[in-house]
Amino acid sequence: MNNNNGARLETYVIAGPRGSGIICLNGAAARLVQPGDIVIIISYVMLDKDEAEVYRPRVAVMGEGNRIEEMLVGEAHGAVKP
């Protein structure tokens, strides 16, 4: 999600150099985000029952240069449907 222009997009991830802070969009998604834009990156996970019961979501709060300023860790909770 692009905070600067309201664009919402879905794309894939290719790992870059660890700690580089680089976010690069390719293809059609690249037309929706410009250098310097503030974006929210959301990821999803599929878990089996055992994994879901202990999963703790994490939120990375980023600062200048896309460096992690704070890592928030949620509680493991919720009902698992059979």
Protein backbone atom coordinates (compact mmCIF):
# COMPACT_ATOMS: atom_id res chain seq x y z
CA MET A 1 0.00 0.00 0.00
CA ASN A 2 1.39 3.38 -0.99
CA ASN A 3 0.75 6.08 1.63
CA ASN A 4 1.68 8.83 -0.83
CA ASN A 5 -0.89 8.11 -3.54
CA GLY A 6 -3.26 5.53 -2.03
CA ALA A 7 -2.32 2.80 -4.51
CA ARG A 8 -2.88 -0.77 -3.36
CA LEU A 9 -0.98 -3.51 -5.08
CA GLU A 10 -0.02 -7.13 -4.72
CA THR A 11 3.26 -8.53 -5.98
CA TYR A 12 5.98 -11.07 -5.24
CA VAL A 13 9.19 -10.92 -3.20
CA ILE A 14 12.76 -11.52 -4.31
CA ALA A 15 15.26 -11.46 -1.47
CA GLY A 16 17.92 -8.74 -1.65
CA PRO A 17 21.16 -8.27 0.25
CA ARG A 18 20.47 -8.61 4.00
CA GLY A 19 20.57 -5.25 5.78
CA SER A 20 20.64 -3.23 2.55
CA GLY A 21 17.27 -1.53 3.19
CA ILE A 22 16.51 -1.77 -0.53
CA ILE A 23 12.92 -2.12 -1.70
CA CYS A 24 12.62 -2.53 -5.47
CA LEU A 25 9.40 -3.01 -7.40
CA ASN A 26 9.43 -4.56 -10.87
CA GLY A 27 6.86 -4.90 -13.62
CA ALA A 28 3.44 -3.23 -13.40
CA ALA A 29 3.81 -2.62 -9.64
CA ALA A 30 6.77 -0.34 -10.35
CA ARG A 31 4.39 2.18 -11.97
CA LEU A 32 2.53 2.64 -8.67
CA VAL A 33 5.44 3.57 -6.38
CA GLN A 34 8.12 6.24 -6.78
CA PRO A 35 11.47 6.58 -4.97
CA GLY A 36 10.87 8.22 -1.59
CA ASP A 37 7.24 7.08 -1.27
CA ILE A 38 6.16 5.69 2.10
CA VAL A 39 4.76 2.17 1.70
CA ILE A 40 3.19 -0.39 4.01
CA ILE A 41 4.30 -3.94 3.27
CA ILE A 42 1.92 -6.68 4.41
CA SER A 43 2.70 -10.39 4.28
CA TYR A 44 0.48 -13.41 4.77
CA VAL A 45 1.22 -16.90 6.04
CA MET A 46 -0.56 -20.25 5.79
CA LEU A 47 -0.14 -22.41 8.87
CA ASP A 48 -1.26 -25.86 9.88
CA LYS A 49 -3.17 -26.28 13.17
CA ASP A 50 -0.09 -26.86 15.35
CA GLU A 51 1.76 -23.87 13.88
CA ALA A 52 -1.27 -21.59 14.20
CA GLU A 53 -1.68 -22.35 17.90
CA VAL A 54 1.77 -20.94 18.73
CA TYR A 55 2.26 -18.38 15.94
CA ARG A 56 3.16 -14.88 17.13
CA PRO A 57 2.75 -12.14 14.49
CA ARG A 58 5.53 -9.55 14.15
CA VAL A 59 5.42 -5.94 12.99
CA ALA A 60 8.64 -4.15 12.01
CA VAL A 61 8.51 -0.38 12.59
CA MET A 62 10.95 1.12 10.12
CA GLY A 63 13.00 4.32 10.22
CA GLU A 64 15.37 6.19 7.92
CA GLY A 65 17.05 4.03 5.30
CA ASN A 66 14.50 1.25 5.94
CA ARG A 67 16.25 0.25 9.15
CA ILE A 68 14.25 -1.52 11.86
CA GLU A 69 13.60 0.88 14.74
CA GLU A 70 11.31 -1.41 16.70
CA MET A 71 10.03 -4.98 16.39
CA LEU A 72 6.58 -5.57 17.86
CA VAL A 73 5.63 -9.17 18.65
CA GLY A 74 2.00 -10.14 19.19
CA GLU A 75 0.54 -12.78 21.44
CA ALA A 76 -0.17 -16.33 20.31
CA HIS A 77 -3.96 -16.63 20.48
CA GLY A 78 -7.07 -17.30 18.49
CA ALA A 79 -9.30 -20.20 17.66
CA VAL A 80 -8.21 -22.76 15.12
CA LYS A 81 -11.04 -24.15 12.99
CA PRO A 82 -10.88 -27.86 12.08
